Amino acid sequence: MYVHHQFFNDADDHAAALRGWDQRYDQIGSGTFRSAVKQIELDGVQVFHESANLRVVQRGQLPDNHMTFGIPLAGAGAFSFGGVRIDRGGFVMAQGGMPFEFHSPDDMALIGVVVDSDMLQGVADCAGVELDDNLFRRTVLDIPNAACTRAGLQLATLIERVLAQPEAFDDIRAQHAVRNQVSEALVDLLAYHVPASSNRLTYACQADIVRRIHDFVINHPDELFDIQSLCTQLRVSRRTVQNSFQAVVQTNPLAYVRSLRLAQVRRLLLDTRQADLSVSDAAAQWGFVHLGHFANAYKAQFGELPSHTVRRSSRAISAR
């Protein structure tokens, strides 16, 4: 994984810092240029957070064979891409290889995401849209401003987490989790442009979707899961999965999966001795790689920390 954070006082240096981009930045606003780029890059995806204090025009060519998303976070005026004004709640979605012109205002902040074709296919499947849909021929899309801002801030927070502790993301599972979080943010952006299906599923079909996901999780204890993985596994849209869980168990699929796995960890702890199985090993067996996050989730679920759960030997002594 590539992780980098750098400050600049020249627009061209800023432009050159973004890996894989053929572009130039021309400073339009007057004054001393100040900017920053924070970026992470791993297989199939690049995510960056760029900011600058002065108006800039960016021109160049988008990365080949990739889809580029741009989510404005802040600016003293309007952004525009390809001659289209980007209002509040608007974001860029543009095919790779095409020339572009992007105007950013003073005091701008922007999240950029570049994904390869495989990741884009997964996002499209999860959102329930075909890649040849007219949606992907547009370059600027509008969704509710709160939803657009939420997706941008989620990605900005993700970048900050990686920058704060990059060594924690050398692990393949941690990198997989990063890709999943990026995918989920993109699915959220696209979901507002997917028309509601006219073929409503019966309750029995929805219950079957819940059952199949339940069984899959139990049979793959240490695999990392996210909504996109679940959609891909069942070859159904994110909306179908979410609606099915809401109808059958009145919760979202990720919360259900987390609760299901926590229940399996608790069963392990109750049925083993501390000397035979540590809390961290029990958690790892069910896909919990960050012990602190696991402990918080366990306490929220069961009202006690996993270290306080009475193990088998302790219960046997108490029963005497």
C-alpha atoms as a PDB file:
ATOM      1  CA  MET A   1       0.000   0.000   0.000  1.00  0.00           C
ATOM      2  CA  TYR A   2       1.232   3.486  -0.893  1.00  0.00           C
ATOM      3  CA  VAL A   3       0.553   6.130   1.781  1.00  0.00           C
ATOM      4  CA  HIS A   4       1.651   9.752   1.410  1.00  0.00           C
ATOM      5  CA  HIS A   5       0.960  13.205   2.844  1.00  0.00           C
ATOM      6  CA  GLN A   6       2.663  16.326   1.513  1.00  0.00           C
ATOM      7  CA  PHE A   7       2.289  20.138   1.549  1.00  0.00           C
ATOM      8  CA  PHE A   8       2.995  22.404  -1.441  1.00  0.00           C
ATOM      9  CA  ASN A   9       3.522  26.039  -2.364  1.00  0.00           C
ATOM     10  CA  ASP A  10       3.394  25.437  -6.122  1.00  0.00           C
ATOM     11  CA  ALA A  11       0.425  24.208  -8.170  1.00  0.00           C
ATOM     12  CA  ASP A  12       2.515  22.115 -10.575  1.00  0.00           C
ATOM     13  CA  ASP A  13       4.225  20.298  -7.708  1.00  0.00           C
ATOM     14  CA  HIS A  14       0.799  19.570  -6.263  1.00  0.00           C
ATOM     15  CA  ALA A  15      -0.423  18.144  -9.592  1.00  0.00           C
ATOM     16  CA  ALA A  16       2.658  15.953  -9.980  1.00  0.00           C
ATOM     17  CA  ALA A  17       2.200  14.445  -6.525  1.00  0.00           C
ATOM     18  CA  LEU A  18      -0.947  12.529  -7.503  1.00  0.00           C
ATOM     19  CA  ARG A  19       0.266   9.156  -8.729  1.00  0.00           C
ATOM     20  CA  GLY A  20      -0.949   7.918 -12.085  1.00  0.00           C
ATOM     21  CA  TRP A  21      -2.314  11.264 -13.257  1.00  0.00           C
ATOM     22  CA  ASP A  22      -1.361  13.104 -16.467  1.00  0.00           C
ATOM     23  CA  GLN A  23      -2.369  16.664 -15.602  1.00  0.00           C
ATOM     24  CA  ARG A  24      -1.314  20.213 -14.874  1.00  0.00           C
ATOM     25  CA  TYR A  25      -2.695  22.744 -12.415  1.00  0.00           C
ATOM     26  CA  ASP A  26      -2.726  26.456 -13.268  1.00  0.00           C
ATOM     27  CA  GLN A  27      -3.082  28.868 -10.369  1.00  0.00           C
ATOM     28  CA  ILE A  28      -5.829  31.391 -11.161  1.00  0.00           C
ATOM     29  CA  GLY A  29      -6.342  33.003  -7.763  1.00  0.00           C
ATOM     30  CA  SER A  30      -3.918  35.693  -6.615  1.00  0.00           C
ATOM     31  CA  GLY A  31      -1.604  35.203  -3.653  1.00  0.00           C
ATOM     32  CA  THR A  32       0.793  32.707  -2.168  1.00  0.00           C
ATOM     33  CA  PHE A  33      -0.269  29.193  -3.079  1.00  0.00           C
ATOM     34  CA  ARG A  34      -0.742  26.735  -0.217  1.00  0.00           C
ATOM     35  CA  SER A  35      -2.035  23.207  -0.689  1.00  0.00           C
ATOM     36  CA  ALA A  36      -1.863  19.632   0.555  1.00  0.00           C
ATOM     37  CA  VAL A  37      -2.353  16.119  -0.802  1.00  0.00           C
ATOM     38  CA  LYS A  38      -3.137  13.075   1.317  1.00  0.00           C
ATOM     39  CA  GLN A  39      -3.352   9.852  -0.642  1.00  0.00           C
ATOM     40  CA  ILE A  40      -3.494   6.102  -0.254  1.00  0.00           C
ATOM     41  CA  GLU A  41      -3.210   3.572  -3.052  1.00  0.00           C
ATOM     42  CA  LEU A  42      -3.583  -0.192  -3.108  1.00  0.00           C
ATOM     43  CA  ASP A  43      -4.644  -2.845  -5.594  1.00  0.00           C
ATOM     44  CA  GLY A  44      -7.512  -1.530  -7.660  1.00  0.00           C
ATOM     45  CA  VAL A  45      -8.107   1.767  -5.894  1.00  0.00           C
ATOM     46  CA  GLN A  46      -6.589   5.175  -5.204  1.00  0.00           C
ATOM     47  CA  VAL A  47      -8.147   7.571  -2.685  1.00  0.00           C
ATOM     48  CA  PHE A  48      -6.904  11.083  -2.094  1.00  0.00           C
ATOM     49  CA  HIS A  49      -7.852  14.235  -0.212  1.00  0.00           C
ATOM     50  CA  GLU A  50      -6.555  17.423  -1.788  1.00  0.00           C
ATOM     51  CA  SER A  51      -6.956  20.992  -0.616  1.00  0.00           C
ATOM     52  CA  ALA A  52      -5.777  24.382  -1.871  1.00  0.00           C
ATOM     53  CA  ASN A  53      -6.279  27.968  -0.745  1.00  0.00           C
ATOM     54  CA  LEU A  54      -6.538  29.525  -4.236  1.00  0.00           C
ATOM     55  CA  ARG A  55      -8.610  28.970  -7.361  1.00  0.00           C
ATOM     56  CA  VAL A  56      -7.028  26.471  -9.765  1.00  0.00           C
ATOM     57  CA  VAL A  57      -7.887  25.096 -13.191  1.00  0.00           C
ATOM     58  CA  GLN A  58      -6.900  21.465 -13.664  1.00  0.00           C
ATOM     59  CA  ARG A  59      -6.449  20.068 -17.163  1.00  0.00           C
ATOM     60  CA  GLY A  60      -5.183  16.717 -18.371  1.00  0.00           C
ATOM     61  CA  GLN A  61      -6.310  13.164 -19.003  1.00  0.00           C
ATOM     62  CA  LEU A  62      -8.062  10.884 -16.542  1.00  0.00           C
ATOM     63  CA  PRO A  63      -6.271   7.612 -15.658  1.00  0.00           C
ATOM     64  CA  ASP A  64      -6.818   4.973 -18.358  1.00  0.00           C
ATOM     65  CA  ASN A  65      -9.068   1.963 -17.724  1.00  0.00           C
ATOM     66  CA  HIS A  66     -10.365   3.394 -14.473  1.00  0.00           C
ATOM     67  CA  MET A  67     -13.426   5.269 -13.249  1.00  0.00           C
ATOM     68  CA  THR A  68     -12.783   8.515 -11.404  1.00  0.00           C
ATOM     69  CA  PHE A  69     -15.045   9.973  -8.722  1.00  0.00           C
ATOM     70  CA  GLY A  70     -14.664  13.463  -7.294  1.00  0.00           C
ATOM     71  CA  ILE A  71     -16.553  14.615  -4.193  1.00  0.00           C
ATOM     72  CA  PRO A  72     -16.233  18.310  -3.228  1.00  0.00           C
ATOM     73  CA  LEU A  73     -16.039  18.836   0.517  1.00  0.00           C
ATOM     74  CA  ALA A  74     -15.571  22.593   0.733  1.00  0.00           C
ATOM     75  CA  GLY A  75     -15.004  25.663  -1.419  1.00  0.00           C
ATOM     76  CA  ALA A  76     -15.567  29.414  -1.457  1.00  0.00           C
ATOM     77  CA  GLY A  77     -17.438  29.071  -4.753  1.00  0.00           C
ATOM     78  CA  ALA A  78     -18.723  26.508  -7.211  1.00  0.00           C
ATOM     79  CA  PHE A  79     -16.705  23.688  -8.785  1.00  0.00           C
ATOM     80  CA  SER A  80     -17.183  22.704 -12.420  1.00  0.00           C
ATOM     81  CA  PHE A  81     -16.173  19.686 -14.474  1.00  0.00           C
ATOM     82  CA  GLY A  82     -16.284  19.539 -18.259  1.00  0.00           C
ATOM     83  CA  GLY A  83     -18.355  22.693 -18.426  1.00  0.00           C
ATOM     84  CA  VAL A  84     -20.937  21.391 -15.938  1.00  0.00           C
ATOM     85  CA  ARG A  85     -21.422  23.266 -12.672  1.00  0.00           C
ATOM     86  CA  ILE A  86     -21.200  21.105  -9.539  1.00  0.00           C
ATOM     87  CA  ASP A  87     -23.721  22.328  -6.986  1.00  0.00           C
ATOM     88  CA  ARG A  88     -24.087  21.175  -3.376  1.00  0.00           C
ATOM     89  CA  GLY A  89     -24.776  17.457  -3.422  1.00  0.00           C
ATOM     90  CA  GLY A  90     -23.056  17.032  -6.772  1.00  0.00           C
ATOM     91  CA  PHE A  91     -20.112  14.776  -7.530  1.00  0.00           C
ATOM     92  CA  VAL A  92     -18.005  13.816 -10.544  1.00  0.00           C
ATOM     93  CA  MET A  93     -18.047  10.341 -12.092  1.00  0.00           C
ATOM     94  CA  ALA A  94     -15.961  10.143 -15.264  1.00  0.00           C
ATOM     95  CA  GLN A  95     -14.570   7.380 -17.481  1.00  0.00           C
ATOM     96  CA  GLY A  96     -10.801   6.992 -17.688  1.00  0.00           C
ATOM     97  CA  GLY A  97      -8.735   8.057 -20.670  1.00  0.00           C
ATOM     98  CA  MET A  98     -10.814  11.120 -21.466  1.00  0.00           C
ATOM     99  CA  PRO A  99      -9.409  14.666 -21.386  1.00  0.00           C
ATOM    100  CA  PHE A 100     -10.804  16.809 -18.608  1.00  0.00           C
ATOM    101  CA  GLU A 101     -11.009  20.366 -17.353  1.00  0.00           C
ATOM    102  CA  PHE A 102     -11.842  20.951 -13.722  1.00  0.00           C
ATOM    103  CA  HIS A 103     -12.253  24.346 -12.047  1.00  0.00           C
ATOM    104  CA  SER A 104     -11.909  24.500  -8.266  1.00  0.00           C
ATOM    105  CA  PRO A 105     -12.609  27.626  -6.167  1.00  0.00           C
ATOM    106  CA  ASP A 106     -10.606  29.277  -3.410  1.00  0.00           C
ATOM    107  CA  ASP A 107     -10.343  27.297  -0.164  1.00  0.00           C
ATOM    108  CA  MET A 108     -11.280  24.073  -1.844  1.00  0.00           C
ATOM    109  CA  ALA A 109     -11.196  20.552  -0.427  1.00  0.00           C
ATOM    110  CA  LEU A 110     -11.957  17.496  -2.521  1.00  0.00           C
ATOM    111  CA  ILE A 111     -12.030  13.716  -2.169  1.00  0.00           C
ATOM    112  CA  GLY A 112     -10.930  11.811  -5.254  1.00  0.00           C
ATOM    113  CA  VAL A 113     -11.392   8.083  -5.845  1.00  0.00           C
ATOM    114  CA  VAL A 114     -10.006   6.117  -8.797  1.00  0.00           C
ATOM    115  CA  VAL A 115     -11.100   2.477  -9.167  1.00  0.00           C
ATOM    116  CA  ASP A 116     -10.223  -0.201 -11.704  1.00  0.00           C
ATOM    117  CA  SER A 117     -12.754  -2.114 -13.800  1.00  0.00           C
ATOM    118  CA  ASP A 118     -13.040  -5.058 -11.399  1.00  0.00           C
ATOM    119  CA  MET A 119     -13.825  -2.868  -8.438  1.00  0.00           C
ATOM    120  CA  LEU A 120     -16.231  -0.787 -10.517  1.00  0.00           C
ATOM    121  CA  GLN A 121     -18.081  -3.943 -11.555  1.00  0.00           C
ATOM    122  CA  GLY A 122     -18.477  -4.925  -7.917  1.00  0.00           C
ATOM    123  CA  VAL A 123     -19.778  -1.469  -7.015  1.00  0.00           C
ATOM    124  CA  ALA A 124     -22.239  -1.567  -9.910  1.00  0.00           C
ATOM    125  CA  ASP A 125     -23.472  -5.051  -8.946  1.00  0.00           C
ATOM    126  CA  CYS A 126     -23.983  -3.972  -5.368  1.00  0.00           C
ATOM    127  CA  ALA A 127     -25.814  -0.812  -6.407  1.00  0.00           C
ATOM    128  CA  GLY A 128     -28.013  -2.818  -8.779  1.00  0.00           C
ATOM    129  CA  VAL A 129     -27.030  -1.020 -11.977  1.00  0.00           C
ATOM    130  CA  GLU A 130     -25.494  -2.239 -15.244  1.00  0.00           C
ATOM    131  CA  LEU A 131     -22.191  -0.752 -16.391  1.00  0.00           C
ATOM    132  CA  ASP A 132     -23.715   0.060 -19.784  1.00  0.00           C
ATOM    133  CA  ASP A 133     -26.440   2.086 -18.078  1.00  0.00           C
ATOM    134  CA  ASN A 134     -26.768   5.725 -19.126  1.00  0.00           C
ATOM    135  CA  LEU A 135     -25.833   6.585 -15.554  1.00  0.00           C
ATOM    136  CA  PHE A 136     -22.180   5.892 -16.374  1.00  0.00           C
ATOM    137  CA  ARG A 137     -22.252   8.171 -19.401  1.00  0.00           C
ATOM    138  CA  ARG A 138     -22.873  11.226 -17.251  1.00  0.00           C
ATOM    139  CA  THR A 139     -20.013  13.134 -15.668  1.00  0.00           C
ATOM    140  CA  VAL A 140     -21.738  15.085 -12.898  1.00  0.00           C
ATOM    141  CA  LEU A 141     -24.455  13.529 -10.736  1.00  0.00           C
ATOM    142  CA  ASP A 142     -26.621  15.121  -8.052  1.00  0.00           C
ATOM    143  CA  ILE A 143     -27.817  13.434  -4.875  1.00  0.00           C
ATOM    144  CA  PRO A 144     -29.044  14.825  -1.529  1.00  0.00           C
ATOM    145  CA  ASN A 145     -26.316  17.039  -0.142  1.00  0.00           C
ATOM    146  CA  ALA A 146     -26.280  15.271   3.232  1.00  0.00           C
ATOM    147  CA  ALA A 147     -25.644  11.921   1.546  1.00  0.00           C
ATOM    148  CA  CYS A 148     -22.871  13.312  -0.644  1.00  0.00           C
ATOM    149  CA  THR A 149     -21.199  15.003   2.315  1.00  0.00           C
ATOM    150  CA  ARG A 150     -21.497  11.844   4.411  1.00  0.00           C
ATOM    151  CA  ALA A 151     -19.757   9.745   1.745  1.00  0.00           C
ATOM    152  CA  GLY A 152     -16.996  12.334   1.358  1.00  0.00           C
ATOM    153  CA  LEU A 153     -16.383  12.561   5.087  1.00  0.00           C
ATOM    154  CA  GLN A 154     -16.337   8.773   5.436  1.00  0.00           C
ATOM    155  CA  LEU A 155     -13.560   8.606   2.858  1.00  0.00           C
ATOM    156  CA  ALA A 156     -11.697  11.543   4.420  1.00  0.00           C
ATOM    157  CA  THR A 157     -11.850   9.796   7.800  1.00  0.00           C
ATOM    158  CA  LEU A 158     -10.587   6.576   6.235  1.00  0.00           C
ATOM    159  CA  ILE A 159      -7.578   8.404   4.768  1.00  0.00           C
ATOM    160  CA  GLU A 160      -6.796   9.965   8.147  1.00  0.00           C
ATOM    161  CA  ARG A 161      -6.947   6.575   9.867  1.00  0.00           C
ATOM    162  CA  VAL A 162      -4.493   5.069   7.401  1.00  0.00           C
ATOM    163  CA  LEU A 163      -2.147   8.065   7.614  1.00  0.00           C
ATOM    164  CA  ALA A 164      -2.183   7.946  11.405  1.00  0.00           C
ATOM    165  CA  GLN A 165      -1.089   4.307  11.557  1.00  0.00           C
ATOM    166  CA  PRO A 166       0.062   3.102   8.114  1.00  0.00           C
ATOM    167  CA  GLU A 167       1.841   0.013   9.463  1.00  0.00           C
ATOM    168  CA  ALA A 168      -1.506  -1.334  10.690  1.00  0.00           C
ATOM    169  CA  PHE A 169      -2.633  -1.556   7.066  1.00  0.00           C
ATOM    170  CA  ASP A 170       0.239  -3.677   5.781  1.00  0.00           C
ATOM    171  CA  ASP A 171      -1.932  -6.678   6.561  1.00  0.00           C
ATOM    172  CA  ILE A 172      -3.896  -8.076   3.601  1.00  0.00           C
ATOM    173  CA  ARG A 173      -7.097  -8.263   5.640  1.00  0.00           C
ATOM    174  CA  ALA A 174      -6.785  -4.626   6.673  1.00  0.00           C
ATOM    175  CA  GLN A 175      -6.280  -3.604   3.034  1.00  0.00           C
ATOM    176  CA  HIS A 176      -9.318  -5.658   2.071  1.00  0.00           C
ATOM    177  CA  ALA A 177     -11.316  -3.739   4.677  1.00  0.00           C
ATOM    178  CA  VAL A 178     -10.110  -0.437   3.169  1.00  0.00           C
ATOM    179  CA  ARG A 179     -11.289  -1.462  -0.292  1.00  0.00           C
ATOM    180  CA  ASN A 180     -14.627  -2.513   1.153  1.00  0.00           C
ATOM    181  CA  GLN A 181     -15.149   0.838   2.875  1.00  0.00           C
ATOM    182  CA  VAL A 182     -14.349   2.692  -0.335  1.00  0.00           C
ATOM    183  CA  SER A 183     -16.747   0.466  -2.269  1.00  0.00           C
ATOM    184  CA  GLU A 184     -19.541   1.044   0.216  1.00  0.00           C
ATOM    185  CA  ALA A 185     -19.136   4.814  -0.023  1.00  0.00           C
ATOM    186  CA  LEU A 186     -19.357   4.640  -3.822  1.00  0.00           C
ATOM    187  CA  VAL A 187     -22.403   2.372  -3.682  1.00  0.00           C
ATOM    188  CA  ASP A 188     -24.078   4.935  -1.429  1.00  0.00           C
ATOM    189  CA  LEU A 189     -23.435   7.617  -4.057  1.00  0.00           C
ATOM    190  CA  LEU A 190     -24.894   5.551  -6.898  1.00  0.00           C
ATOM    191  CA  ALA A 191     -27.840   4.111  -4.995  1.00  0.00           C
ATOM    192  CA  TYR A 192     -29.799   7.360  -5.291  1.00  0.00           C
ATOM    193  CA  HIS A 193     -29.843   6.966  -9.085  1.00  0.00           C
ATOM    194  CA  VAL A 194     -31.096   3.386  -9.155  1.00  0.00           C
ATOM    195  CA  PRO A 195     -34.847   3.219  -9.810  1.00  0.00           C
ATOM    196  CA  ALA A 196     -36.931   1.189  -7.406  1.00  0.00           C
ATOM    197  CA  SER A 197     -37.634  -2.289  -8.716  1.00  0.00           C
ATOM    198  CA  SER A 198     -41.170  -3.068  -9.827  1.00  0.00           C
ATOM    199  CA  ASN A 199     -40.640  -6.756  -8.968  1.00  0.00           C
ATOM    200  CA  ARG A 200     -41.128  -6.806  -5.224  1.00  0.00           C
ATOM    201  CA  LEU A 201     -39.857  -9.972  -3.542  1.00  0.00           C
ATOM    202  CA  THR A 202     -42.152 -12.109  -1.459  1.00  0.00           C
ATOM    203  CA  TYR A 203     -41.440 -12.482   2.242  1.00  0.00           C
ATOM    204  CA  ALA A 204     -40.364 -16.085   1.586  1.00  0.00           C
ATOM    205  CA  CYS A 205     -37.747 -14.909  -0.914  1.00  0.00           C
ATOM    206  CA  GLN A 206     -36.488 -12.271   1.508  1.00  0.00           C
ATOM    207  CA  ALA A 207     -36.262 -14.862   4.284  1.00  0.00           C
ATOM    208  CA  ASP A 208     -34.295 -17.118   1.946  1.00  0.00           C
ATOM    209  CA  ILE A 209     -31.771 -14.322   1.295  1.00  0.00           C
ATOM    210  CA  VAL A 210     -31.298 -13.894   5.053  1.00  0.00           C
ATOM    211  CA  ARG A 211     -30.932 -17.663   5.516  1.00  0.00           C
ATOM    212  CA  ARG A 212     -28.348 -17.983   2.727  1.00  0.00           C
ATOM    213  CA  ILE A 213     -26.238 -15.169   4.147  1.00  0.00           C
ATOM    214  CA  HIS A 214     -26.522 -16.629   7.655  1.00  0.00           C
ATOM    215  CA  ASP A 215     -25.315 -20.017   6.400  1.00  0.00           C
ATOM    216  CA  PHE A 216     -22.515 -18.491   4.365  1.00  0.00           C
ATOM    217  CA  VAL A 217     -21.189 -16.568   7.366  1.00  0.00           C
ATOM    218  CA  ILE A 218     -21.279 -19.659   9.592  1.00  0.00           C
ATOM    219  CA  ASN A 219     -19.455 -21.709   6.952  1.00  0.00           C
ATOM    220  CA  HIS A 220     -16.770 -19.031   6.385  1.00  0.00           C
ATOM    221  CA  PRO A 221     -15.922 -17.923   9.925  1.00  0.00           C
ATOM    222  CA  ASP A 222     -12.748 -15.938   9.323  1.00  0.00           C
ATOM    223  CA  GLU A 223     -13.646 -14.157   6.076  1.00  0.00           C
ATOM    224  CA  LEU A 224     -14.146 -10.395   6.130  1.00  0.00           C
ATOM    225  CA  PHE A 225     -17.629  -9.294   5.109  1.00  0.00           C
ATOM    226  CA  ASP A 226     -19.191  -6.100   3.854  1.00  0.00           C
ATOM    227  CA  ILE A 227     -22.375  -5.341   1.984  1.00  0.00           C
ATOM    228  CA  GLN A 228     -20.662  -5.625  -1.390  1.00  0.00           C
ATOM    229  CA  SER A 229     -19.350  -9.111  -0.578  1.00  0.00           C
ATOM    230  CA  LEU A 230     -22.832 -10.202   0.424  1.00  0.00           C
ATOM    231  CA  CYS A 231     -24.338  -8.767  -2.762  1.00  0.00           C
ATOM    232  CA  THR A 232     -21.712 -10.473  -4.911  1.00  0.00           C
ATOM    233  CA  GLN A 233     -22.207 -13.784  -3.132  1.00  0.00           C
ATOM    234  CA  LEU A 234     -25.961 -13.784  -3.796  1.00  0.00           C
ATOM    235  CA  ARG A 235     -25.823 -11.836  -7.086  1.00  0.00           C
ATOM    236  CA  VAL A 236     -28.471  -9.437  -5.878  1.00  0.00           C
ATOM    237  CA  SER A 237     -28.450  -5.688  -5.414  1.00  0.00           C
ATOM    238  CA  ARG A 238     -27.588  -3.883  -2.205  1.00  0.00           C
ATOM    239  CA  ARG A 239     -31.152  -2.614  -1.980  1.00  0.00           C
ATOM    240  CA  THR A 240     -32.551  -6.156  -2.204  1.00  0.00           C
ATOM    241  CA  VAL A 241     -30.244  -7.388   0.566  1.00  0.00           C
ATOM    242  CA  GLN A 242     -31.007  -4.423   2.816  1.00  0.00           C
ATOM    243  CA  ASN A 243     -34.755  -4.640   2.237  1.00  0.00           C
ATOM    244  CA  SER A 244     -34.721  -8.383   2.949  1.00  0.00           C
ATOM    245  CA  PHE A 245     -32.948  -7.988   6.281  1.00  0.00           C
ATOM    246  CA  GLN A 246     -35.157  -5.093   7.288  1.00  0.00           C
ATOM    247  CA  ALA A 247     -38.294  -7.100   6.490  1.00  0.00           C
ATOM    248  CA  VAL A 248     -37.225 -10.347   8.159  1.00  0.00           C
ATOM    249  CA  VAL A 249     -34.995  -9.382  11.122  1.00  0.00           C
ATOM    250  CA  GLN A 250     -35.542  -5.603  11.361  1.00  0.00           C
ATOM    251  CA  THR A 251     -31.854  -4.749  11.169  1.00  0.00           C
ATOM    252  CA  ASN A 252     -29.262  -4.103   8.479  1.00  0.00           C
ATOM    253  CA  PRO A 253     -27.169  -6.975   7.063  1.00  0.00           C
ATOM    254  CA  LEU A 254     -23.831  -5.861   8.488  1.00  0.00           C
ATOM    255  CA  ALA A 255     -25.281  -5.504  11.979  1.00  0.00           C
ATOM    256  CA  TYR A 256     -26.795  -8.992  11.644  1.00  0.00           C
ATOM    257  CA  VAL A 257     -23.496 -10.511  10.483  1.00  0.00           C
ATOM    258  CA  ARG A 258     -21.598  -8.793  13.295  1.00  0.00           C
ATOM    259  CA  SER A 259     -24.100 -10.007  15.918  1.00  0.00           C
ATOM    260  CA  LEU A 260     -23.997 -13.526  14.486  1.00  0.00           C
ATOM    261  CA  ARG A 261     -20.210 -13.657  14.656  1.00  0.00           C
ATOM    262  CA  LEU A 262     -20.127 -12.153  18.147  1.00  0.00           C
ATOM    263  CA  ALA A 263     -22.496 -14.903  19.266  1.00  0.00           C
ATOM    264  CA  GLN A 264     -20.098 -17.534  17.912  1.00  0.00           C
ATOM    265  CA  VAL A 265     -17.152 -15.950  19.746  1.00  0.00           C
ATOM    266  CA  ARG A 266     -19.134 -15.872  22.993  1.00  0.00           C
ATOM    267  CA  ARG A 267     -20.007 -19.548  22.562  1.00  0.00           C
ATOM    268  CA  LEU A 268     -16.321 -20.334  22.070  1.00  0.00           C
ATOM    269  CA  LEU A 269     -15.378 -18.428  25.206  1.00  0.00           C
ATOM    270  CA  LEU A 270     -18.077 -20.105  27.287  1.00  0.00           C
ATOM    271  CA  ASP A 271     -17.098 -23.579  26.089  1.00  0.00           C
ATOM    272  CA  THR A 272     -13.308 -23.338  26.465  1.00  0.00           C
ATOM    273  CA  ARG A 273     -10.793 -22.649  29.181  1.00  0.00           C
ATOM    274  CA  GLN A 274      -8.641 -19.528  29.207  1.00  0.00           C
ATOM    275  CA  ALA A 275      -5.548 -21.731  29.079  1.00  0.00           C
ATOM    276  CA  ASP A 276      -6.765 -23.395  25.893  1.00  0.00           C
ATOM    277  CA  LEU A 277      -8.031 -20.387  23.932  1.00  0.00           C
ATOM    278  CA  SER A 278      -7.311 -16.690  24.447  1.00  0.00           C
ATOM    279  CA  VAL A 279      -9.883 -13.984  23.770  1.00  0.00           C
ATOM    280  CA  SER A 280      -7.850 -12.651  20.843  1.00  0.00           C
ATOM    281  CA  ASP A 281      -7.610 -16.100  19.230  1.00  0.00           C
ATOM    282  CA  ALA A 282     -11.339 -16.682  19.655  1.00  0.00           C
ATOM    283  CA  ALA A 283     -12.076 -13.295  18.076  1.00  0.00           C
ATOM    284  CA  ALA A 284      -9.685 -13.969  15.182  1.00  0.00           C
ATOM    285  CA  GLN A 285     -11.413 -17.267  14.440  1.00  0.00           C
ATOM    286  CA  TRP A 286     -14.528 -15.273  13.616  1.00  0.00           C
ATOM    287  CA  GLY A 287     -12.951 -12.477  11.624  1.00  0.00           C
ATOM    288  CA  PHE A 288     -12.369  -9.832  14.306  1.00  0.00           C
ATOM    289  CA  VAL A 289      -8.858  -8.548  13.627  1.00  0.00           C
ATOM    290  CA  HIS A 290      -8.882  -5.362  15.732  1.00  0.00           C
ATOM    291  CA  LEU A 291      -9.147  -6.434  19.364  1.00  0.00           C
ATOM    292  CA  GLY A 292     -10.168  -2.999  20.646  1.00  0.00           C
ATOM    293  CA  HIS A 293     -13.057  -2.686  18.184  1.00  0.00           C
ATOM    294  CA  PHE A 294     -14.065  -6.265  18.941  1.00  0.00           C
ATOM    295  CA  ALA A 295     -14.115  -5.676  22.709  1.00  0.00           C
ATOM    296  CA  ASN A 296     -16.322  -2.598  22.318  1.00  0.00           C
ATOM    297  CA  ALA A 297     -18.735  -4.440  20.011  1.00  0.00           C
ATOM    298  CA  TYR A 298     -18.818  -7.449  22.368  1.00  0.00           C
ATOM    299  CA  LYS A 299     -19.637  -5.276  25.371  1.00  0.00           C
ATOM    300  CA  ALA A 300     -22.355  -3.437  23.442  1.00  0.00           C
ATOM    301  CA  GLN A 301     -23.865  -6.784  22.433  1.00  0.00           C
ATOM    302  CA  PHE A 302     -23.613  -8.732  25.692  1.00  0.00           C
ATOM    303  CA  GLY A 303     -23.202  -6.110  28.411  1.00  0.00           C
ATOM    304  CA  GLU A 304     -19.738  -7.253  29.450  1.00  0.00           C
ATOM    305  CA  LEU A 305     -16.210  -7.276  28.113  1.00  0.00           C
ATOM    306  CA  PRO A 306     -15.039 -10.577  26.624  1.00  0.00           C
ATOM    307  CA  SER A 307     -12.387 -10.791  29.338  1.00  0.00           C
ATOM    308  CA  HIS A 308     -15.212 -10.848  31.910  1.00  0.00           C
ATOM    309  CA  THR A 309     -17.107 -13.693  30.282  1.00  0.00           C
ATOM    310  CA  VAL A 310     -16.992 -16.672  32.628  1.00  0.00           C
ATOM    311  CA  ARG A 311     -14.947 -19.441  30.984  1.00  0.00           C
ATOM    312  CA  ARG A 312     -15.662 -23.153  31.273  1.00  0.00           C
ATOM    313  CA  SER A 313     -13.166 -23.912  34.054  1.00  0.00           C
ATOM    314  CA  SER A 314     -14.480 -21.007  36.143  1.00  0.00           C
ATOM    315  CA  ARG A 315     -18.058 -22.139  35.715  1.00  0.00           C
ATOM    316  CA  ALA A 316     -17.120 -25.676  36.686  1.00  0.00           C
ATOM    317  CA  ILE A 317     -15.499 -24.398  39.896  1.00  0.00           C
ATOM    318  CA  SER A 318     -18.511 -22.216  40.679  1.00  0.00           C
ATOM    319  CA  ALA A 319     -20.842 -25.187  40.260  1.00  0.00           C
ATOM    320  CA  ARG A 320     -19.053 -27.238  42.935  1.00  0.00           C
END
